[in-house]
Amino acid sequence: MVSKTVTVVNAQGFHMRPATAFAGEMGKFQSKITLESGGKTVDAKSLMNIIAACIKCGSEVKVICEGEDEAAALDKAVSMIESGLGES
């Protein structure tokens, strides 16, 4: 298991468009991927779970990956969050 805590920099947080892109990318990995933020733990491959978590700009998110491709999954997740989830 690997994990890293990152801060959401996207001004709108995990709203529909970036959450869709994020869940889609995470779905490409075999590992179990979860997000922890604000006392909630959600499946990072589930669009509805990500939206329900209400993760806003400035929130700290712990990304946890467990499985055969966990390092690659963590790198991709952290990269997406730190780059603003494809938005400015």
PDB file of N, CA and C in Angstrom:
ATOM      1  N   MET A   1       0.838  -1.176   0.000  1.00  0.00           N
ATOM      2  CA  MET A   1       0.000   0.000   0.000  1.00  0.00           C
ATOM      3  C   MET A   1       0.886   1.244   0.000  1.00  0.00           C
ATOM      4  N   VAL A   2       0.498   2.213  -0.840  1.00  0.00           N
ATOM      5  CA  VAL A   2       1.191   3.496  -0.887  1.00  0.00           C
ATOM      6  C   VAL A   2       0.153   4.608  -0.768  1.00  0.00           C
ATOM      7  N   SER A   3       0.579   5.749  -0.229  1.00  0.00           N
ATOM      8  CA  SER A   3      -0.356   6.865  -0.107  1.00  0.00           C
ATOM      9  C   SER A   3       0.402   8.183  -0.115  1.00  0.00           C
ATOM     10  N   LYS A   4      -0.340   9.242  -0.413  1.00  0.00           N
ATOM     11  CA  LYS A   4       0.227  10.580  -0.381  1.00  0.00           C
ATOM     12  C   LYS A   4      -0.918  11.558  -0.169  1.00  0.00           C
ATOM     13  N   THR A   5      -0.656  12.603   0.607  1.00  0.00           N
ATOM     14  CA  THR A   5      -1.645  13.646   0.830  1.00  0.00           C
ATOM     15  C   THR A   5      -1.307  14.834  -0.055  1.00  0.00           C
ATOM     16  N   VAL A   6      -2.301  15.296  -0.801  1.00  0.00           N
ATOM     17  CA  VAL A   6      -2.130  16.428  -1.705  1.00  0.00           C
ATOM     18  C   VAL A   6      -3.264  17.425  -1.478  1.00  0.00           C
ATOM     19  N   THR A   7      -3.049  18.649  -1.938  1.00  0.00           N
ATOM     20  CA  THR A   7      -4.054  19.697  -1.810  1.00  0.00           C
ATOM     21  C   THR A   7      -4.712  19.937  -3.165  1.00  0.00           C
ATOM     22  N   VAL A   8      -6.029  19.989  -3.176  1.00  0.00           N
ATOM     23  CA  VAL A   8      -6.778  20.241  -4.411  1.00  0.00           C
ATOM     24  C   VAL A   8      -6.580  21.705  -4.801  1.00  0.00           C
ATOM     25  N   VAL A   9      -6.057  21.942  -6.012  1.00  0.00           N
ATOM     26  CA  VAL A   9      -5.788  23.304  -6.469  1.00  0.00           C
ATOM     27  C   VAL A   9      -6.807  23.795  -7.498  1.00  0.00           C
ATOM     28  N   ASN A  10      -7.589  22.893  -8.061  1.00  0.00           N
ATOM     29  CA  ASN A  10      -8.617  23.290  -9.024  1.00  0.00           C
ATOM     30  C   ASN A  10      -9.622  24.199  -8.320  1.00  0.00           C
ATOM     31  N   ALA A  11      -9.856  25.376  -8.875  1.00  0.00           N
ATOM     32  CA  ALA A  11     -10.716  26.378  -8.240  1.00  0.00           C
ATOM     33  C   ALA A  11     -12.119  25.861  -7.929  1.00  0.00           C
ATOM     34  N   GLN A  12     -12.616  24.929  -8.700  1.00  0.00           N
ATOM     35  CA  GLN A  12     -13.962  24.396  -8.498  1.00  0.00           C
ATOM     36  C   GLN A  12     -13.964  23.059  -7.756  1.00  0.00           C
ATOM     37  N   GLY A  13     -12.796  22.562  -7.382  1.00  0.00           N
ATOM     38  CA  GLY A  13     -12.726  21.280  -6.691  1.00  0.00           C
ATOM     39  C   GLY A  13     -13.097  20.128  -7.619  1.00  0.00           C
ATOM     40  N   PHE A  14     -13.566  19.045  -7.023  1.00  0.00           N
ATOM     41  CA  PHE A  14     -13.951  17.858  -7.793  1.00  0.00           C
ATOM     42  C   PHE A  14     -15.407  17.981  -8.230  1.00  0.00           C
ATOM     43  N   HIS A  15     -15.688  18.874  -9.191  1.00  0.00           N
ATOM     44  CA  HIS A  15     -17.042  18.938  -9.732  1.00  0.00           C
ATOM     45  C   HIS A  15     -17.164  17.917 -10.861  1.00  0.00           C
ATOM     46  N   MET A  16     -18.258  17.905 -11.570  1.00  0.00           N
ATOM     47  CA  MET A  16     -18.573  16.809 -12.501  1.00  0.00           C
ATOM     48  C   MET A  16     -17.490  16.524 -13.543  1.00  0.00           C
ATOM     49  N   ARG A  17     -17.030  17.528 -14.259  1.00  0.00           N
ATOM     50  CA  ARG A  17     -16.074  17.289 -15.349  1.00  0.00           C
ATOM     51  C   ARG A  17     -14.755  16.700 -14.844  1.00  0.00           C
ATOM     52  N   PRO A  18     -14.076  17.329 -13.877  1.00  0.00           N
ATOM     53  CA  PRO A  18     -12.815  16.737 -13.422  1.00  0.00           C
ATOM     54  C   PRO A  18     -13.005  15.417 -12.679  1.00  0.00           C
ATOM     55  N   ALA A  19     -14.102  15.278 -11.971  1.00  0.00           N
ATOM     56  CA  ALA A  19     -14.356  14.018 -11.268  1.00  0.00           C
ATOM     57  C   ALA A  19     -14.557  12.878 -12.265  1.00  0.00           C
ATOM     58  N   THR A  20     -15.224  13.183 -13.388  1.00  0.00           N
ATOM     59  CA  THR A  20     -15.417  12.168 -14.431  1.00  0.00           C
ATOM     60  C   THR A  20     -14.073  11.741 -15.015  1.00  0.00           C
ATOM     61  N   ALA A  21     -13.226  12.730 -15.323  1.00  0.00           N
ATOM     62  CA  ALA A  21     -11.908  12.423 -15.883  1.00  0.00           C
ATOM     63  C   ALA A  21     -11.062  11.637 -14.881  1.00  0.00           C
ATOM     64  N   PHE A  22     -11.113  12.045 -13.613  1.00  0.00           N
ATOM     65  CA  PHE A  22     -10.316  11.384 -12.578  1.00  0.00           C
ATOM     66  C   PHE A  22     -10.760   9.937 -12.392  1.00  0.00           C
ATOM     67  N   ALA A  23     -12.054   9.722 -12.233  1.00  0.00           N
ATOM     68  CA  ALA A  23     -12.568   8.358 -12.042  1.00  0.00           C
ATOM     69  C   ALA A  23     -12.251   7.484 -13.247  1.00  0.00           C
ATOM     70  N   GLY A  24     -12.349   8.065 -14.432  1.00  0.00           N
ATOM     71  CA  GLY A  24     -12.034   7.311 -15.646  1.00  0.00           C
ATOM     72  C   GLY A  24     -10.589   6.863 -15.693  1.00  0.00           C
ATOM     73  N   GLU A  25      -9.686   7.763 -15.336  1.00  0.00           N
ATOM     74  CA  GLU A  25      -8.266   7.414 -15.316  1.00  0.00           C
ATOM     75  C   GLU A  25      -7.962   6.375 -14.240  1.00  0.00           C
ATOM     76  N   MET A  26      -8.561   6.527 -13.070  1.00  0.00           N
ATOM     77  CA  MET A  26      -8.315   5.581 -11.986  1.00  0.00           C
ATOM     78  C   MET A  26      -8.864   4.193 -12.342  1.00  0.00           C
ATOM     79  N   GLY A  27      -9.920   4.153 -13.135  1.00  0.00           N
ATOM     80  CA  GLY A  27     -10.503   2.885 -13.561  1.00  0.00           C
ATOM     81  C   GLY A  27      -9.585   2.057 -14.445  1.00  0.00           C
ATOM     82  N   LYS A  28      -8.549   2.671 -14.965  1.00  0.00           N
ATOM     83  CA  LYS A  28      -7.591   1.961 -15.824  1.00  0.00           C
ATOM     84  C   LYS A  28      -6.602   1.116 -15.019  1.00  0.00           C
ATOM     85  N   PHE A  29      -6.576   1.331 -13.707  1.00  0.00           N
ATOM     86  CA  PHE A  29      -5.630   0.611 -12.851  1.00  0.00           C
ATOM     87  C   PHE A  29      -6.303  -0.571 -12.166  1.00  0.00           C
ATOM     88  N   GLN A  30      -5.514  -1.603 -11.901  1.00  0.00           N
ATOM     89  CA  GLN A  30      -6.010  -2.791 -11.207  1.00  0.00           C
ATOM     90  C   GLN A  30      -6.126  -2.563  -9.698  1.00  0.00           C
ATOM     91  N   SER A  31      -5.306  -1.676  -9.179  1.00  0.00           N
ATOM     92  CA  SER A  31      -5.257  -1.433  -7.742  1.00  0.00           C
ATOM     93  C   SER A  31      -6.555  -0.855  -7.201  1.00  0.00           C
ATOM     94  N   LYS A  32      -6.781  -1.073  -5.913  1.00  0.00           N
ATOM     95  CA  LYS A  32      -7.861  -0.405  -5.196  1.00  0.00           C
ATOM     96  C   LYS A  32      -7.353   1.004  -4.900  1.00  0.00           C
ATOM     97  N   ILE A  33      -8.150   2.009  -5.243  1.00  0.00           N
ATOM     98  CA  ILE A  33      -7.742   3.401  -5.053  1.00  0.00           C
ATOM     99  C   ILE A  33      -8.834   4.113  -4.269  1.00  0.00           C
ATOM    100  N   THR A  34      -8.451   4.720  -3.161  1.00  0.00           N
ATOM    101  CA  THR A  34      -9.422   5.448  -2.353  1.00  0.00           C
ATOM    102  C   THR A  34      -8.926   6.866  -2.097  1.00  0.00           C
ATOM    103  N   LEU A  35      -9.887   7.748  -1.857  1.00  0.00           N
ATOM    104  CA  LEU A  35      -9.604   9.123  -1.482  1.00  0.00           C
ATOM    105  C   LEU A  35     -10.154   9.353  -0.091  1.00  0.00           C
ATOM    106  N   GLU A  36      -9.369   9.981   0.767  1.00  0.00           N
ATOM    107  CA  GLU A  36      -9.828  10.354   2.103  1.00  0.00           C
ATOM    108  C   GLU A  36      -9.773  11.869   2.194  1.00  0.00           C
ATOM    109  N   SER A  37     -10.884  12.490   2.551  1.00  0.00           N
ATOM    110  CA  SER A  37     -10.937  13.933   2.705  1.00  0.00           C
ATOM    111  C   SER A  37     -12.125  14.304   3.583  1.00  0.00           C
ATOM    112  N   GLY A  38     -11.900  15.215   4.496  1.00  0.00           N
ATOM    113  CA  GLY A  38     -12.980  15.696   5.340  1.00  0.00           C
ATOM    114  C   GLY A  38     -13.685  14.611   6.130  1.00  0.00           C
ATOM    115  N   GLY A  39     -12.936  13.595   6.538  1.00  0.00           N
ATOM    116  CA  GLY A  39     -13.528  12.512   7.311  1.00  0.00           C
ATOM    117  C   GLY A  39     -14.265  11.476   6.485  1.00  0.00           C
ATOM    118  N   LYS A  40     -14.244  11.622   5.173  1.00  0.00           N
ATOM    119  CA  LYS A  40     -14.909  10.659   4.287  1.00  0.00           C
ATOM    120  C   LYS A  40     -13.861   9.862   3.527  1.00  0.00           C
ATOM    121  N   THR A  41     -14.165   8.598   3.280  1.00  0.00           N
ATOM    122  CA  THR A  41     -13.322   7.739   2.455  1.00  0.00           C
ATOM    123  C   THR A  41     -14.171   7.235   1.311  1.00  0.00           C
ATOM    124  N   VAL A  42     -13.704   7.476   0.069  1.00  0.00           N
ATOM    125  CA  VAL A  42     -14.497   7.087  -1.103  1.00  0.00           C
ATOM    126  C   VAL A  42     -13.657   6.326  -2.118  1.00  0.00           C
ATOM    127  N   ASP A  43     -14.335   5.550  -2.928  1.00  0.00           N
ATOM    128  CA  ASP A  43     -13.729   4.811  -4.026  1.00  0.00           C
ATOM    129  C   ASP A  43     -13.397   5.796  -5.140  1.00  0.00           C
ATOM    130  N   ALA A  44     -12.113   5.917  -5.479  1.00  0.00           N
ATOM    131  CA  ALA A  44     -11.676   6.880  -6.487  1.00  0.00           C
ATOM    132  C   ALA A  44     -12.058   6.469  -7.908  1.00  0.00           C
ATOM    133  N   LYS A  45     -12.600   5.280  -8.076  1.00  0.00           N
ATOM    134  CA  LYS A  45     -13.046   4.835  -9.397  1.00  0.00           C
ATOM    135  C   LYS A  45     -14.531   5.097  -9.599  1.00  0.00           C
ATOM    136  N   SER A  46     -15.191   5.622  -8.582  1.00  0.00           N
ATOM    137  CA  SER A  46     -16.635   5.863  -8.635  1.00  0.00           C
ATOM    138  C   SER A  46     -16.935   7.353  -8.734  1.00  0.00           C
ATOM    139  N   LEU A  47     -17.433   7.770  -9.885  1.00  0.00           N
ATOM    140  CA  LEU A  47     -17.793   9.168 -10.092  1.00  0.00           C
ATOM    141  C   LEU A  47     -18.766   9.652  -9.023  1.00  0.00           C
ATOM    142  N   MET A  48     -19.792   8.888  -8.746  1.00  0.00           N
ATOM    143  CA  MET A  48     -20.806   9.308  -7.781  1.00  0.00           C
ATOM    144  C   MET A  48     -20.227   9.449  -6.371  1.00  0.00           C
ATOM    145  N   ASN A  49     -19.326   8.548  -5.999  1.00  0.00           N
ATOM    146  CA  ASN A  49     -18.696   8.649  -4.679  1.00  0.00           C
ATOM    147  C   ASN A  49     -17.824   9.895  -4.574  1.00  0.00           C
ATOM    148  N   ILE A  50     -17.101  10.210  -5.645  1.00  0.00           N
ATOM    149  CA  ILE A  50     -16.242  11.397  -5.635  1.00  0.00           C
ATOM    150  C   ILE A  50     -17.101  12.659  -5.517  1.00  0.00           C
ATOM    151  N   ILE A  51     -18.165  12.739  -6.301  1.00  0.00           N
ATOM    152  CA  ILE A  51     -19.058  13.901  -6.251  1.00  0.00           C
ATOM    153  C   ILE A  51     -19.674  14.020  -4.854  1.00  0.00           C
ATOM    154  N   ALA A  52     -20.107  12.907  -4.291  1.00  0.00           N
ATOM    155  CA  ALA A  52     -20.756  12.915  -2.974  1.00  0.00           C
ATOM    156  C   ALA A  52     -19.811  13.363  -1.863  1.00  0.00           C
ATOM    157  N   ALA A  53     -18.510  13.216  -2.065  1.00  0.00           N
ATOM    158  CA  ALA A  53     -17.539  13.607  -1.051  1.00  0.00           C
ATOM    159  C   ALA A  53     -17.396  15.130  -0.937  1.00  0.00           C
ATOM    160  N   CYS A  54     -17.893  15.865  -1.926  1.00  0.00           N
ATOM    161  CA  CYS A  54     -17.861  17.348  -1.906  1.00  0.00           C
ATOM    162  C   CYS A  54     -16.455  17.882  -1.631  1.00  0.00           C
ATOM    163  N   ILE A  55     -15.485  17.445  -2.416  1.00  0.00           N
ATOM    164  CA  ILE A  55     -14.101  17.862  -2.224  1.00  0.00           C
ATOM    165  C   ILE A  55     -13.882  19.199  -2.928  1.00  0.00           C
ATOM    166  N   LYS A  56     -13.600  20.219  -2.142  1.00  0.00           N
ATOM    167  CA  LYS A  56     -13.480  21.598  -2.625  1.00  0.00           C
ATOM    168  C   LYS A  56     -12.020  22.000  -2.821  1.00  0.00           C
ATOM    169  N   CYS A  57     -11.842  23.144  -3.487  1.00  0.00           N
ATOM    170  CA  CYS A  57     -10.517  23.726  -3.653  1.00  0.00           C
ATOM    171  C   CYS A  57      -9.912  23.986  -2.273  1.00  0.00           C
ATOM    172  N   GLY A  58      -8.638  23.646  -2.121  1.00  0.00           N
ATOM    173  CA  GLY A  58      -7.946  23.835  -0.858  1.00  0.00           C
ATOM    174  C   GLY A  58      -8.038  22.651   0.084  1.00  0.00           C
ATOM    175  N   SER A  59      -8.904  21.694  -0.246  1.00  0.00           N
ATOM    176  CA  SER A  59      -9.038  20.494   0.588  1.00  0.00           C
ATOM    177  C   SER A  59      -7.795  19.630   0.488  1.00  0.00           C
ATOM    178  N   GLU A  60      -7.410  19.048   1.615  1.00  0.00           N
ATOM    179  CA  GLU A  60      -6.352  18.049   1.590  1.00  0.00           C
ATOM    180  C   GLU A  60      -6.996  16.696   1.327  1.00  0.00           C
ATOM    181  N   VAL A  61      -6.411  15.964   0.397  1.00  0.00           N
ATOM    182  CA  VAL A  61      -6.920  14.653   0.011  1.00  0.00           C
ATOM    183  C   VAL A  61      -5.795  13.640   0.149  1.00  0.00           C
ATOM    184  N   LYS A  62      -6.068  12.575   0.866  1.00  0.00           N
ATOM    185  CA  LYS A  62      -5.104  11.483   0.958  1.00  0.00           C
ATOM    186  C   LYS A  62      -5.496  10.446  -0.084  1.00  0.00           C
ATOM    187  N   VAL A  63      -4.581  10.172  -1.003  1.00  0.00           N
ATOM    188  CA  VAL A  63      -4.791   9.166  -2.031  1.00  0.00           C
ATOM    189  C   VAL A  63      -4.124   7.890  -1.550  1.00  0.00           C
ATOM    190  N   ILE A  64      -4.888   6.803  -1.506  1.00  0.00           N
ATOM    191  CA  ILE A  64      -4.371   5.520  -1.030  1.00  0.00           C
ATOM    192  C   ILE A  64      -4.547   4.491  -2.147  1.00  0.00           C
ATOM    193  N   CYS A  65      -3.467   3.836  -2.520  1.00  0.00           N
ATOM    194  CA  CYS A  65      -3.502   2.832  -3.582  1.00  0.00           C
ATOM    195  C   CYS A  65      -2.951   1.519  -3.044  1.00  0.00           C
ATOM    196  N   GLU A  66      -3.633   0.449  -3.385  1.00  0.00           N
ATOM    197  CA  GLU A  66      -3.214  -0.865  -2.920  1.00  0.00           C
ATOM    198  C   GLU A  66      -3.437  -1.889  -4.025  1.00  0.00           C
ATOM    199  N   GLY A  67      -2.338  -2.508  -4.484  1.00  0.00           N
ATOM    200  CA  GLY A  67      -2.450  -3.522  -5.523  1.00  0.00           C
ATOM    201  C   GLY A  67      -1.201  -3.593  -6.368  1.00  0.00           C
ATOM    202  N   GLU A  68      -1.299  -4.364  -7.445  1.00  0.00           N
ATOM    203  CA  GLU A  68      -0.118  -4.647  -8.256  1.00  0.00           C
ATOM    204  C   GLU A  68       0.458  -3.432  -8.969  1.00  0.00           C
ATOM    205  N   ASP A  69      -0.366  -2.463  -9.326  1.00  0.00           N
ATOM    206  CA  ASP A  69       0.130  -1.265 -10.010  1.00  0.00           C
ATOM    207  C   ASP A  69      -0.044  -0.013  -9.144  1.00  0.00           C
ATOM    208  N   GLU A  70       0.086  -0.190  -7.847  1.00  0.00           N
ATOM    209  CA  GLU A  70      -0.188   0.887  -6.895  1.00  0.00           C
ATOM    210  C   GLU A  70       0.699   2.116  -7.092  1.00  0.00           C
ATOM    211  N   ALA A  71       1.972   1.919  -7.392  1.00  0.00           N
ATOM    212  CA  ALA A  71       2.874   3.064  -7.553  1.00  0.00           C
ATOM    213  C   ALA A  71       2.462   3.908  -8.755  1.00  0.00           C
ATOM    214  N   ALA A  72       2.162   3.254  -9.860  1.00  0.00           N
ATOM    215  CA  ALA A  72       1.737   3.975 -11.064  1.00  0.00           C
ATOM    216  C   ALA A  72       0.400   4.677 -10.834  1.00  0.00           C
ATOM    217  N   ALA A  73      -0.515   4.023 -10.133  1.00  0.00           N
ATOM    218  CA  ALA A  73      -1.822   4.610  -9.839  1.00  0.00           C
ATOM    219  C   ALA A  73      -1.659   5.845  -8.960  1.00  0.00           C
ATOM    220  N   LEU A  74      -0.805   5.759  -7.938  1.00  0.00           N
ATOM    221  CA  LEU A  74      -0.577   6.901  -7.056  1.00  0.00           C
ATOM    222  C   LEU A  74       0.042   8.060  -7.823  1.00  0.00           C
ATOM    223  N   ASP A  75       1.029   7.765  -8.657  1.00  0.00           N
ATOM    224  CA  ASP A  75       1.672   8.820  -9.450  1.00  0.00           C
ATOM    225  C   ASP A  75       0.663   9.541 -10.327  1.00  0.00           C
ATOM    226  N   LYS A  76      -0.210   8.792 -10.994  1.00  0.00           N
ATOM    227  CA  LYS A  76      -1.205   9.388 -11.879  1.00  0.00           C
ATOM    228  C   LYS A  76      -2.216  10.216 -11.092  1.00  0.00           C
ATOM    229  N   ALA A  77      -2.697   9.682  -9.988  1.00  0.00           N
ATOM    230  CA  ALA A  77      -3.686  10.398  -9.178  1.00  0.00           C
ATOM    231  C   ALA A  77      -3.116  11.700  -8.643  1.00  0.00           C
ATOM    232  N   VAL A  78      -1.922  11.642  -8.089  1.00  0.00           N
ATOM    233  CA  VAL A  78      -1.285  12.833  -7.526  1.00  0.00           C
ATOM    234  C   VAL A  78      -1.025  13.857  -8.624  1.00  0.00           C
ATOM    235  N   SER A  79      -0.545  13.393  -9.766  1.00  0.00           N
ATOM    236  CA  SER A  79      -0.280  14.284 -10.890  1.00  0.00           C
ATOM    237  C   SER A  79      -1.549  15.007 -11.332  1.00  0.00           C
ATOM    238  N   MET A  80      -2.643  14.273 -11.430  1.00  0.00           N
ATOM    239  CA  MET A  80      -3.902  14.884 -11.854  1.00  0.00           C
ATOM    240  C   MET A  80      -4.384  15.930 -10.852  1.00  0.00           C
ATOM    241  N   ILE A  81      -4.328  15.608  -9.580  1.00  0.00           N
ATOM    242  CA  ILE A  81      -4.802  16.540  -8.552  1.00  0.00           C
ATOM    243  C   ILE A  81      -3.911  17.779  -8.482  1.00  0.00           C
ATOM    244  N   GLU A  82      -2.607  17.576  -8.498  1.00  0.00           N
ATOM    245  CA  GLU A  82      -1.671  18.700  -8.386  1.00  0.00           C
ATOM    246  C   GLU A  82      -1.686  19.600  -9.627  1.00  0.00           C
ATOM    247  N   SER A  83      -2.108  19.066 -10.762  1.00  0.00           N
ATOM    248  CA  SER A  83      -2.154  19.872 -11.990  1.00  0.00           C
ATOM    249  C   SER A  83      -3.503  20.560 -12.188  1.00  0.00           C
ATOM    250  N   GLY A  84      -4.392  20.450 -11.229  1.00  0.00           N
ATOM    251  CA  GLY A  84      -5.677  21.128 -11.329  1.00  0.00           C
ATOM    252  C   GLY A  84      -6.750  20.308 -11.997  1.00  0.00           C
ATOM    253  N   LEU A  85      -6.560  19.009 -12.104  1.00  0.00           N
ATOM    254  CA  LEU A  85      -7.564  18.104 -12.686  1.00  0.00           C
ATOM    255  C   LEU A  85      -7.937  18.506 -14.112  1.00  0.00           C
ATOM    256  N   GLY A  86      -6.946  19.000 -14.858  1.00  0.00           N
ATOM    257  CA  GLY A  86      -7.173  19.353 -16.255  1.00  0.00           C
ATOM    258  C   GLY A  86      -7.835  20.704 -16.451  1.00  0.00           C
ATOM    259  N   GLU A  87      -7.995  21.462 -15.371  1.00  0.00           N
ATOM    260  CA  GLU A  87      -8.594  22.797 -15.457  1.00  0.00           C
ATOM    261  C   GLU A  87      -7.705  23.797 -14.759  1.00  0.00           C
ATOM    262  N   SER A  88      -7.903  25.058 -15.071  1.00  0.00           N
ATOM    263  CA  SER A  88      -7.085  26.114 -14.450  1.00  0.00           C
ATOM    264  C   SER A  88      -7.628  26.507 -13.110  1.00  0.00           C
TER     265      SER A  88
END
